[in-house]
PDB file of N, CA and C in Angstrom:
ATOM      1  N   MET A   1     -22.651 110.847  -1.716  1.00  0.00           N
ATOM      2  CA  MET A   1     -21.552 110.036  -2.164  1.00  0.00           C
ATOM      3  C   MET A   1     -22.121 108.895  -3.003  1.00  0.00           C
ATOM      4  N   ALA A   2     -21.590 108.724  -4.227  1.00  0.00           N
ATOM      5  CA  ALA A   2     -22.076 107.677  -5.129  1.00  0.00           C
ATOM      6  C   ALA A   2     -21.453 106.340  -4.745  1.00  0.00           C
ATOM      7  N   GLN A   3     -22.270 105.329  -4.788  1.00  0.00           N
ATOM      8  CA  GLN A   3     -21.805 103.983  -4.455  1.00  0.00           C
ATOM      9  C   GLN A   3     -21.550 103.234  -5.759  1.00  0.00           C
ATOM     10  N   THR A   4     -20.349 102.643  -5.898  1.00  0.00           N
ATOM     11  CA  THR A   4     -20.049 101.891  -7.106  1.00  0.00           C
ATOM     12  C   THR A   4     -20.599 100.480  -6.972  1.00  0.00           C
ATOM     13  N   ILE A   5     -21.146  99.998  -8.042  1.00  0.00           N
ATOM     14  CA  ILE A   5     -21.742  98.673  -8.066  1.00  0.00           C
ATOM     15  C   ILE A   5     -20.821  97.752  -8.850  1.00  0.00           C
ATOM     16  N   ASP A   6     -20.490  96.621  -8.248  1.00  0.00           N
ATOM     17  CA  ASP A   6     -19.638  95.636  -8.897  1.00  0.00           C
ATOM     18  C   ASP A   6     -20.510  94.789  -9.822  1.00  0.00           C
ATOM     19  N   THR A   7     -20.272  94.896 -11.129  1.00  0.00           N
ATOM     20  CA  THR A   7     -21.098  94.184 -12.096  1.00  0.00           C
ATOM     21  C   THR A   7     -20.498  92.842 -12.497  1.00  0.00           C
ATOM     22  N   ARG A   8     -19.375  92.468 -11.879  1.00  0.00           N
ATOM     23  CA  ARG A   8     -18.749  91.188 -12.212  1.00  0.00           C
ATOM     24  C   ARG A   8     -19.534  90.032 -11.601  1.00  0.00           C
ATOM     25  N   THR A   9     -19.445  88.894 -12.267  1.00  0.00           N
ATOM     26  CA  THR A   9     -20.068  87.705 -11.713  1.00  0.00           C
ATOM     27  C   THR A   9     -19.223  87.209 -10.553  1.00  0.00           C
ATOM     28  N   ARG A  10     -19.758  86.283  -9.803  1.00  0.00           N
ATOM     29  CA  ARG A  10     -19.017  85.736  -8.661  1.00  0.00           C
ATOM     30  C   ARG A  10     -17.735  85.047  -9.122  1.00  0.00           C
ATOM     31  N   ALA A  11     -17.811  84.323 -10.247  1.00  0.00           N
ATOM     32  CA  ALA A  11     -16.629  83.647 -10.777  1.00  0.00           C
ATOM     33  C   ALA A  11     -15.558  84.653 -11.201  1.00  0.00           C
ATOM     34  N   GLN A  12     -15.967  85.759 -11.843  1.00  0.00           N
ATOM     35  CA  GLN A  12     -15.007  86.783 -12.245  1.00  0.00           C
ATOM     36  C   GLN A  12     -14.362  87.435 -11.034  1.00  0.00           C
ATOM     37  N   HIS A  13     -15.156  87.674  -9.998  1.00  0.00           N
ATOM     38  CA  HIS A  13     -14.631  88.280  -8.777  1.00  0.00           C
ATOM     39  C   HIS A  13     -13.627  87.337  -8.100  1.00  0.00           C
ATOM     40  N   THR A  14     -13.970  86.064  -8.015  1.00  0.00           N
ATOM     41  CA  THR A  14     -13.071  85.077  -7.408  1.00  0.00           C
ATOM     42  C   THR A  14     -11.789  84.952  -8.217  1.00  0.00           C
ATOM     43  N   ARG A  15     -11.896  84.949  -9.551  1.00  0.00           N
ATOM     44  CA  ARG A  15     -10.723  84.853 -10.415  1.00  0.00           C
ATOM     45  C   ARG A  15      -9.809  86.059 -10.221  1.00  0.00           C
ATOM     46  N   ALA A  16     -10.377  87.241 -10.094  1.00  0.00           N
ATOM     47  CA  ALA A  16      -9.585  88.457  -9.899  1.00  0.00           C
ATOM     48  C   ALA A  16      -8.838  88.404  -8.566  1.00  0.00           C
ATOM     49  N   ILE A  17      -9.502  87.931  -7.527  1.00  0.00           N
ATOM     50  CA  ILE A  17      -8.848  87.803  -6.219  1.00  0.00           C
ATOM     51  C   ILE A  17      -7.704  86.801  -6.304  1.00  0.00           C
ATOM     52  N   ARG A  18      -7.954  85.662  -6.944  1.00  0.00           N
ATOM     53  CA  ARG A  18      -6.931  84.621  -7.053  1.00  0.00           C
ATOM     54  C   ARG A  18      -5.732  85.107  -7.867  1.00  0.00           C
ATOM     55  N   GLN A  19      -5.977  85.836  -8.960  1.00  0.00           N
ATOM     56  CA  GLN A  19      -4.876  86.348  -9.762  1.00  0.00           C
ATOM     57  C   GLN A  19      -4.049  87.365  -8.995  1.00  0.00           C
ATOM     58  N   GLU A  20      -4.696  88.195  -8.196  1.00  0.00           N
ATOM     59  CA  GLU A  20      -3.956  89.176  -7.393  1.00  0.00           C
ATOM     60  C   GLU A  20      -3.085  88.477  -6.355  1.00  0.00           C
ATOM     61  N   GLU A  21      -3.606  87.424  -5.729  1.00  0.00           N
ATOM     62  CA  GLU A  21      -2.810  86.656  -4.766  1.00  0.00           C
ATOM     63  C   GLU A  21      -1.604  86.009  -5.444  1.00  0.00           C
ATOM     64  N   LEU A  22      -1.805  85.488  -6.654  1.00  0.00           N
ATOM     65  CA  LEU A  22      -0.697  84.876  -7.388  1.00  0.00           C
ATOM     66  C   LEU A  22       0.334  85.912  -7.800  1.00  0.00           C
ATOM     67  N   ARG A  23      -0.114  87.104  -8.181  1.00  0.00           N
ATOM     68  CA  ARG A  23       0.835  88.179  -8.500  1.00  0.00           C
ATOM     69  C   ARG A  23       1.703  88.503  -7.292  1.00  0.00           C
ATOM     70  N   GLN A  24       1.076  88.563  -6.116  1.00  0.00           N
ATOM     71  CA  GLN A  24       1.831  88.852  -4.894  1.00  0.00           C
ATOM     72  C   GLN A  24       2.815  87.726  -4.585  1.00  0.00           C
ATOM     73  N   LYS A  25       2.381  86.479  -4.801  1.00  0.00           N
ATOM     74  CA  LYS A  25       3.261  85.337  -4.543  1.00  0.00           C
ATOM     75  C   LYS A  25       4.454  85.337  -5.495  1.00  0.00           C
ATOM     76  N   LEU A  26       4.181  85.623  -6.776  1.00  0.00           N
ATOM     77  CA  LEU A  26       5.274  85.683  -7.747  1.00  0.00           C
ATOM     78  C   LEU A  26       6.230  86.829  -7.438  1.00  0.00           C
ATOM     79  N   ALA A  27       5.687  87.950  -6.997  1.00  0.00           N
ATOM     80  CA  ALA A  27       6.542  89.086  -6.644  1.00  0.00           C
ATOM     81  C   ALA A  27       7.408  88.746  -5.440  1.00  0.00           C
ATOM     82  N   ALA A  28       6.827  88.059  -4.459  1.00  0.00           N
ATOM     83  CA  ALA A  28       7.592  87.690  -3.263  1.00  0.00           C
ATOM     84  C   ALA A  28       8.650  86.649  -3.590  1.00  0.00           C
ATOM     85  N   GLY A  29       8.365  85.766  -4.562  1.00  0.00           N
ATOM     86  CA  GLY A  29       9.319  84.727  -4.940  1.00  0.00           C
ATOM     87  C   GLY A  29      10.441  85.234  -5.814  1.00  0.00           C
ATOM     88  N   GLY A  30      10.311  86.423  -6.357  1.00  0.00           N
ATOM     89  CA  GLY A  30      11.357  87.010  -7.172  1.00  0.00           C
ATOM     90  C   GLY A  30      11.448  86.439  -8.579  1.00  0.00           C
ATOM     91  N   HIS A  31      10.420  85.704  -9.025  1.00  0.00           N
ATOM     92  CA  HIS A  31      10.467  85.101 -10.357  1.00  0.00           C
ATOM     93  C   HIS A  31      10.552  86.154 -11.452  1.00  0.00           C
ATOM     94  N   LEU A  32       9.758  87.183 -11.340  1.00  0.00           N
ATOM     95  CA  LEU A  32       9.734  88.203 -12.377  1.00  0.00           C
ATOM     96  C   LEU A  32      11.050  88.982 -12.422  1.00  0.00           C
ATOM     97  N   GLU A  33      11.563  89.360 -11.244  1.00  0.00           N
ATOM     98  CA  GLU A  33      12.825  90.099 -11.206  1.00  0.00           C
ATOM     99  C   GLU A  33      13.970  89.265 -11.781  1.00  0.00           C
ATOM    100  N   TYR A  34      13.972  87.955 -11.470  1.00  0.00           N
ATOM    101  CA  TYR A  34      15.012  87.072 -11.984  1.00  0.00           C
ATOM    102  C   TYR A  34      14.903  86.958 -13.502  1.00  0.00           C
ATOM    103  N   ALA A  35      13.685  86.842 -14.022  1.00  0.00           N
ATOM    104  CA  ALA A  35      13.495  86.753 -15.473  1.00  0.00           C
ATOM    105  C   ALA A  35      13.947  88.041 -16.155  1.00  0.00           C
ATOM    106  N   ILE A  36      13.649  89.192 -15.549  1.00  0.00           N
ATOM    107  CA  ILE A  36      14.086  90.473 -16.109  1.00  0.00           C
ATOM    108  C   ILE A  36      15.608  90.573 -16.090  1.00  0.00           C
ATOM    109  N   ASP A  37      16.233  90.131 -14.996  1.00  0.00           N
ATOM    110  CA  ASP A  37      17.688  90.146 -14.885  1.00  0.00           C
ATOM    111  C   ASP A  37      18.319  89.262 -15.960  1.00  0.00           C
ATOM    112  N   LEU A  38      17.754  88.071 -16.164  1.00  0.00           N
ATOM    113  CA  LEU A  38      18.275  87.178 -17.208  1.00  0.00           C
ATOM    114  C   LEU A  38      18.103  87.776 -18.595  1.00  0.00           C
ATOM    115  N   ALA A  39      16.961  88.420 -18.830  1.00  0.00           N
ATOM    116  CA  ALA A  39      16.731  89.055 -20.132  1.00  0.00           C
ATOM    117  C   ALA A  39      17.757  90.158 -20.381  1.00  0.00           C
ATOM    118  N   GLU A  40      18.087  90.938 -19.347  1.00  0.00           N
ATOM    119  CA  GLU A  40      19.106  91.985 -19.503  1.00  0.00           C
ATOM    120  C   GLU A  40      20.479  91.380 -19.771  1.00  0.00           C
ATOM    121  N   LYS A  41      20.795  90.287 -19.073  1.00  0.00           N
ATOM    122  CA  LYS A  41      22.086  89.626 -19.309  1.00  0.00           C
ATOM    123  C   LYS A  41      22.169  89.096 -20.730  1.00  0.00           C
ATOM    124  N   LEU A  42      21.072  88.490 -21.206  1.00  0.00           N
ATOM    125  CA  LEU A  42      21.076  87.948 -22.563  1.00  0.00           C
ATOM    126  C   LEU A  42      21.139  89.044 -23.616  1.00  0.00           C
ATOM    127  N   SER A  43      20.551  90.203 -23.339  1.00  0.00           N
ATOM    128  CA  SER A  43      20.617  91.298 -24.309  1.00  0.00           C
ATOM    129  C   SER A  43      21.998  91.935 -24.357  1.00  0.00           C
ATOM    130  N   ASN A  44      22.764  91.816 -23.277  1.00  0.00           N
ATOM    131  CA  ASN A  44      24.126  92.366 -23.221  1.00  0.00           C
ATOM    132  C   ASN A  44      25.162  91.256 -23.300  1.00  0.00           C
ATOM    133  N   VAL A  45      24.905  90.226 -24.085  1.00  0.00           N
ATOM    134  CA  VAL A  45      25.786  89.064 -24.136  1.00  0.00           C
ATOM    135  C   VAL A  45      27.168  89.422 -24.701  1.00  0.00           C
ATOM    136  N   ARG A  46      27.258  90.414 -25.564  1.00  0.00           N
ATOM    137  CA  ARG A  46      28.559  90.811 -26.120  1.00  0.00           C
ATOM    138  C   ARG A  46      29.448  91.443 -25.057  1.00  0.00           C
ATOM    139  N   ASP A  47      28.844  92.117 -24.071  1.00  0.00           N
ATOM    140  CA  ASP A  47      29.616  92.763 -23.018  1.00  0.00           C
ATOM    141  C   ASP A  47      30.137  91.766 -21.991  1.00  0.00           C
ATOM    142  N   ASN A  48      29.440  90.647 -21.822  1.00  0.00           N
ATOM    143  CA  ASN A  48      29.797  89.663 -20.801  1.00  0.00           C
ATOM    144  C   ASN A  48      30.235  88.376 -21.485  1.00  0.00           C
ATOM    145  N   VAL A  49      31.558  88.188 -21.591  1.00  0.00           N
ATOM    146  CA  VAL A  49      32.111  87.028 -22.282  1.00  0.00           C
ATOM    147  C   VAL A  49      31.917  85.755 -21.460  1.00  0.00           C
ATOM    148  N   ASP A  50      31.866  85.863 -20.144  1.00  0.00           N
ATOM    149  CA  ASP A  50      31.779  84.696 -19.270  1.00  0.00           C
ATOM    150  C   ASP A  50      30.359  84.131 -19.157  1.00  0.00           C
ATOM    151  N   LEU A  51      29.399  84.731 -19.827  1.00  0.00           N
ATOM    152  CA  LEU A  51      28.008  84.327 -19.700  1.00  0.00           C
ATOM    153  C   LEU A  51      27.746  83.011 -20.431  1.00  0.00           C
ATOM    154  N   ASP A  52      27.106  82.080 -19.747  1.00  0.00           N
ATOM    155  CA  ASP A  52      26.719  80.804 -20.340  1.00  0.00           C
ATOM    156  C   ASP A  52      25.330  80.982 -20.949  1.00  0.00           C
ATOM    157  N   VAL A  53      25.276  81.322 -22.233  1.00  0.00           N
ATOM    158  CA  VAL A  53      24.039  81.709 -22.901  1.00  0.00           C
ATOM    159  C   VAL A  53      22.991  80.596 -22.896  1.00  0.00           C
ATOM    160  N   PRO A  54      23.325  79.367 -23.280  1.00  0.00           N
ATOM    161  CA  PRO A  54      22.274  78.330 -23.275  1.00  0.00           C
ATOM    162  C   PRO A  54      21.671  78.096 -21.885  1.00  0.00           C
ATOM    163  N   ARG A  55      22.498  78.155 -20.873  1.00  0.00           N
ATOM    164  CA  ARG A  55      21.998  77.953 -19.514  1.00  0.00           C
ATOM    165  C   ARG A  55      21.088  79.104 -19.086  1.00  0.00           C
ATOM    166  N   CYS A  56      21.481  80.338 -19.388  1.00  0.00           N
ATOM    167  CA  CYS A  56      20.652  81.496 -19.046  1.00  0.00           C
ATOM    168  C   CYS A  56      19.340  81.475 -19.815  1.00  0.00           C
ATOM    169  N   LYS A  57      19.384  81.084 -21.086  1.00  0.00           N
ATOM    170  CA  LYS A  57      18.165  81.016 -21.879  1.00  0.00           C
ATOM    171  C   LYS A  57      17.223  79.949 -21.322  1.00  0.00           C
ATOM    172  N   ALA A  58      17.766  78.811 -20.929  1.00  0.00           N
ATOM    173  CA  ALA A  58      16.932  77.752 -20.352  1.00  0.00           C
ATOM    174  C   ALA A  58      16.312  78.209 -19.037  1.00  0.00           C
ATOM    175  N   ALA A  59      17.091  78.909 -18.206  1.00  0.00           N
ATOM    176  CA  ALA A  59      16.566  79.414 -16.938  1.00  0.00           C
ATOM    177  C   ALA A  59      15.485  80.464 -17.175  1.00  0.00           C
ATOM    178  N   PHE A  60      15.709  81.324 -18.163  1.00  0.00           N
ATOM    179  CA  PHE A  60      14.720  82.349 -18.499  1.00  0.00           C
ATOM    180  C   PHE A  60      13.415  81.706 -18.980  1.00  0.00           C
ATOM    181  N   ASP A  61      13.537  80.716 -19.872  1.00  0.00           N
ATOM    182  CA  ASP A  61      12.343  80.033 -20.384  1.00  0.00           C
ATOM    183  C   ASP A  61      11.585  79.337 -19.266  1.00  0.00           C
ATOM    184  N   ALA A  62      12.295  78.740 -18.318  1.00  0.00           N
ATOM    185  CA  ALA A  62      11.642  78.066 -17.191  1.00  0.00           C
ATOM    186  C   ALA A  62      10.895  79.077 -16.321  1.00  0.00           C
ATOM    187  N   ARG A  63      11.512  80.218 -16.055  1.00  0.00           N
ATOM    188  CA  ARG A  63      10.836  81.245 -15.248  1.00  0.00           C
ATOM    189  C   ARG A  63       9.597  81.777 -15.953  1.00  0.00           C
ATOM    190  N   MET A  64       9.697  81.977 -17.251  1.00  0.00           N
ATOM    191  CA  MET A  64       8.545  82.484 -17.991  1.00  0.00           C
ATOM    192  C   MET A  64       7.410  81.462 -18.021  1.00  0.00           C
ATOM    193  N   LYS A  65       7.745  80.169 -18.053  1.00  0.00           N
ATOM    194  CA  LYS A  65       6.706  79.146 -17.991  1.00  0.00           C
ATOM    195  C   LYS A  65       5.983  79.196 -16.655  1.00  0.00           C
ATOM    196  N   ILE A  66       6.740  79.409 -15.582  1.00  0.00           N
ATOM    197  CA  ILE A  66       6.128  79.512 -14.252  1.00  0.00           C
ATOM    198  C   ILE A  66       5.200  80.722 -14.207  1.00  0.00           C
ATOM    199  N   ILE A  67       5.674  81.849 -14.692  1.00  0.00           N
ATOM    200  CA  ILE A  67       4.873  83.079 -14.677  1.00  0.00           C
ATOM    201  C   ILE A  67       3.621  82.909 -15.534  1.00  0.00           C
ATOM    202  N   ASN A  68       3.759  82.339 -16.739  1.00  0.00           N
ATOM    203  CA  ASN A  68       2.607  82.161 -17.625  1.00  0.00           C
ATOM    204  C   ASN A  68       1.628  81.122 -17.105  1.00  0.00           C
ATOM    205  N   LYS A  69       2.114  80.177 -16.316  1.00  0.00           N
ATOM    206  CA  LYS A  69       1.213  79.178 -15.743  1.00  0.00           C
ATOM    207  C   LYS A  69       0.288  79.824 -14.716  1.00  0.00           C
ATOM    208  N   TYR A  70       0.849  80.666 -13.883  1.00  0.00           N
ATOM    209  CA  TYR A  70       0.057  81.303 -12.841  1.00  0.00           C
ATOM    210  C   TYR A  70      -0.726  82.506 -13.344  1.00  0.00           C
ATOM    211  N   LEU A  71      -0.153  83.237 -14.273  1.00  0.00           N
ATOM    212  CA  LEU A  71      -0.807  84.433 -14.809  1.00  0.00           C
ATOM    213  C   LEU A  71      -0.827  84.364 -16.329  1.00  0.00           C
ATOM    214  N   PRO A  72      -1.751  83.603 -16.901  1.00  0.00           N
ATOM    215  CA  PRO A  72      -1.778  83.483 -18.357  1.00  0.00           C
ATOM    216  C   PRO A  72      -2.119  84.817 -19.000  1.00  0.00           C
ATOM    217  N   GLU A  73      -1.720  84.951 -20.254  1.00  0.00           N
ATOM    218  CA  GLU A  73      -2.031  86.165 -20.993  1.00  0.00           C
ATOM    219  C   GLU A  73      -3.538  86.266 -21.161  1.00  0.00           C
ATOM    220  N   LEU A  74      -4.046  87.450 -21.028  1.00  0.00           N
ATOM    221  CA  LEU A  74      -5.479  87.654 -21.158  1.00  0.00           C
ATOM    222  C   LEU A  74      -5.876  87.586 -22.627  1.00  0.00           C
ATOM    223  N   LYS A  75      -6.926  86.865 -22.903  1.00  0.00           N
ATOM    224  CA  LYS A  75      -7.401  86.714 -24.272  1.00  0.00           C
ATOM    225  C   LYS A  75      -8.393  87.812 -24.640  1.00  0.00           C
ATOM    226  N   ALA A  76      -9.048  88.390 -23.653  1.00  0.00           N
ATOM    227  CA  ALA A  76     -10.051  89.419 -23.919  1.00  0.00           C
ATOM    228  C   ALA A  76     -10.068  90.401 -22.758  1.00  0.00           C
ATOM    229  N   THR A  77     -10.526  91.593 -23.040  1.00  0.00           N
ATOM    230  CA  THR A  77     -10.660  92.614 -22.017  1.00  0.00           C
ATOM    231  C   THR A  77     -12.112  93.055 -21.980  1.00  0.00           C
ATOM    232  N   GLU A  78     -12.667  93.102 -20.783  1.00  0.00           N
ATOM    233  CA  GLU A  78     -14.054  93.506 -20.634  1.00  0.00           C
ATOM    234  C   GLU A  78     -14.106  94.971 -20.234  1.00  0.00           C
ATOM    235  N   LEU A  79     -14.905  95.728 -20.947  1.00  0.00           N
ATOM    236  CA  LEU A  79     -15.109  97.130 -20.631  1.00  0.00           C
ATOM    237  C   LEU A  79     -16.538  97.302 -20.145  1.00  0.00           C
ATOM    238  N   SER A  80     -16.691  98.006 -19.046  1.00  0.00           N
ATOM    239  CA  SER A  80     -18.036  98.261 -18.547  1.00  0.00           C
ATOM    240  C   SER A  80     -18.071  99.655 -17.949  1.00  0.00           C
ATOM    241  N   GLY A  81     -19.239 100.234 -17.918  1.00  0.00           N
ATOM    242  CA  GLY A  81     -19.411 101.562 -17.365  1.00  0.00           C
ATOM    243  C   GLY A  81     -20.310 101.521 -16.148  1.00  0.00           C
ATOM    244  N   ASP A  82     -20.402 102.641 -15.468  1.00  0.00           N
ATOM    245  CA  ASP A  82     -21.313 102.754 -14.326  1.00  0.00           C
ATOM    246  C   ASP A  82     -22.747 102.754 -14.827  1.00  0.00           C
ATOM    247  N   GLN A  83     -23.674 102.519 -13.908  1.00  0.00           N
ATOM    248  CA  GLN A  83     -25.078 102.627 -14.290  1.00  0.00           C
ATOM    249  C   GLN A  83     -25.447 104.083 -14.532  1.00  0.00           C
ATOM    250  N   SER A  84     -24.790 104.989 -13.811  1.00  0.00           N
ATOM    251  CA  SER A  84     -25.084 106.404 -14.000  1.00  0.00           C
ATOM    252  C   SER A  84     -24.440 106.950 -15.274  1.00  0.00           C
ATOM    253  N   GLN A  85     -23.310 106.366 -15.675  1.00  0.00           N
ATOM    254  CA  GLN A  85     -22.625 106.787 -16.897  1.00  0.00           C
ATOM    255  C   GLN A  85     -22.284 105.533 -17.705  1.00  0.00           C
ATOM    256  N   PRO A  86     -23.226 105.032 -18.482  1.00  0.00           N
ATOM    257  CA  PRO A  86     -22.978 103.798 -19.223  1.00  0.00           C
ATOM    258  C   PRO A  86     -21.901 103.981 -20.286  1.00  0.00           C
ATOM    259  N   LEU A  87     -21.269 102.900 -20.618  1.00  0.00           N
ATOM    260  CA  LEU A  87     -20.231 102.887 -21.629  1.00  0.00           C
ATOM    261  C   LEU A  87     -20.861 103.094 -22.999  1.00  0.00           C
ATOM    262  N   VAL A  88     -20.294 103.997 -23.780  1.00  0.00           N
ATOM    263  CA  VAL A  88     -20.816 104.295 -25.112  1.00  0.00           C
ATOM    264  C   VAL A  88     -19.765 103.855 -26.128  1.00  0.00           C
ATOM    265  N   VAL A  89     -20.196 103.049 -27.076  1.00  0.00           N
ATOM    266  CA  VAL A  89     -19.302 102.575 -28.130  1.00  0.00           C
ATOM    267  C   VAL A  89     -19.772 103.163 -29.445  1.00  0.00           C
ATOM    268  N   SER A  90     -18.864 103.823 -30.135  1.00  0.00           N
ATOM    269  CA  SER A  90     -19.182 104.395 -31.445  1.00  0.00           C
ATOM    270  C   SER A  90     -18.458 103.607 -32.518  1.00  0.00           C
ATOM    271  N   GLN A  91     -19.165 103.281 -33.575  1.00  0.00           N
ATOM    272  CA  GLN A  91     -18.550 102.557 -34.670  1.00  0.00           C
ATOM    273  C   GLN A  91     -18.703 103.382 -35.930  1.00  0.00           C
ATOM    274  N   MET A  92     -17.598 103.575 -36.614  1.00  0.00           N
ATOM    275  CA  MET A  92     -17.624 104.350 -37.849  1.00  0.00           C
ATOM    276  C   MET A  92     -17.481 103.391 -39.009  1.00  0.00           C
ATOM    277  N   VAL A  93     -18.315 103.546 -40.004  1.00  0.00           N
ATOM    278  CA  VAL A  93     -18.250 102.722 -41.209  1.00  0.00           C
ATOM    279  C   VAL A  93     -17.802 103.627 -42.353  1.00  0.00           C
ATOM    280  N   PHE A  94     -16.695 103.263 -42.951  1.00  0.00           N
ATOM    281  CA  PHE A  94     -16.164 104.050 -44.055  1.00  0.00           C
ATOM    282  C   PHE A  94     -16.618 103.412 -45.374  1.00  0.00           C
ATOM    283  N   PRO A  95     -16.957 104.241 -46.350  1.00  0.00           N
ATOM    284  CA  PRO A  95     -17.366 103.680 -47.639  1.00  0.00           C
ATOM    285  C   PRO A  95     -16.173 103.022 -48.343  1.00  0.00           C
ATOM    286  N   THR A  96     -16.458 101.932 -49.010  1.00  0.00           N
ATOM    287  CA  THR A  96     -15.399 101.249 -49.733  1.00  0.00           C
ATOM    288  C   THR A  96     -15.199 101.932 -51.071  1.00  0.00           C
ATOM    289  N   GLN A  97     -13.976 101.919 -51.535  1.00  0.00           N
ATOM    290  CA  GLN A  97     -13.668 102.532 -52.836  1.00  0.00           C
ATOM    291  C   GLN A  97     -13.556 101.427 -53.846  1.00  0.00           C
ATOM    292  N   ASP A  98     -14.429 101.457 -54.828  1.00  0.00           N
ATOM    293  CA  ASP A  98     -14.409 100.426 -55.883  1.00  0.00           C
ATOM    294  C   ASP A  98     -13.633 100.880 -57.081  1.00  0.00           C
TER     295      ASP A  98
END
């Protein structure tokens, strides 16, 4: 049986654990479901005449700020391979047409 080796640094490992805990907390708090519900209401605004659009938009923006505060968008993605099967990157260079 092959043993997988964690190549992440301690800080990366701690960050991953913390982000997973925050995802669980946000899921339990219903923030994401509420934001999705508001987005659906805003997209169907013509069907629902009684909808208070500015209030729903403000509530949606507030929920998204909470979600983005705890789980910011990732700026980069790290790719790594096993030691037994290292990651291979191929780069193709195309000739320029003058």
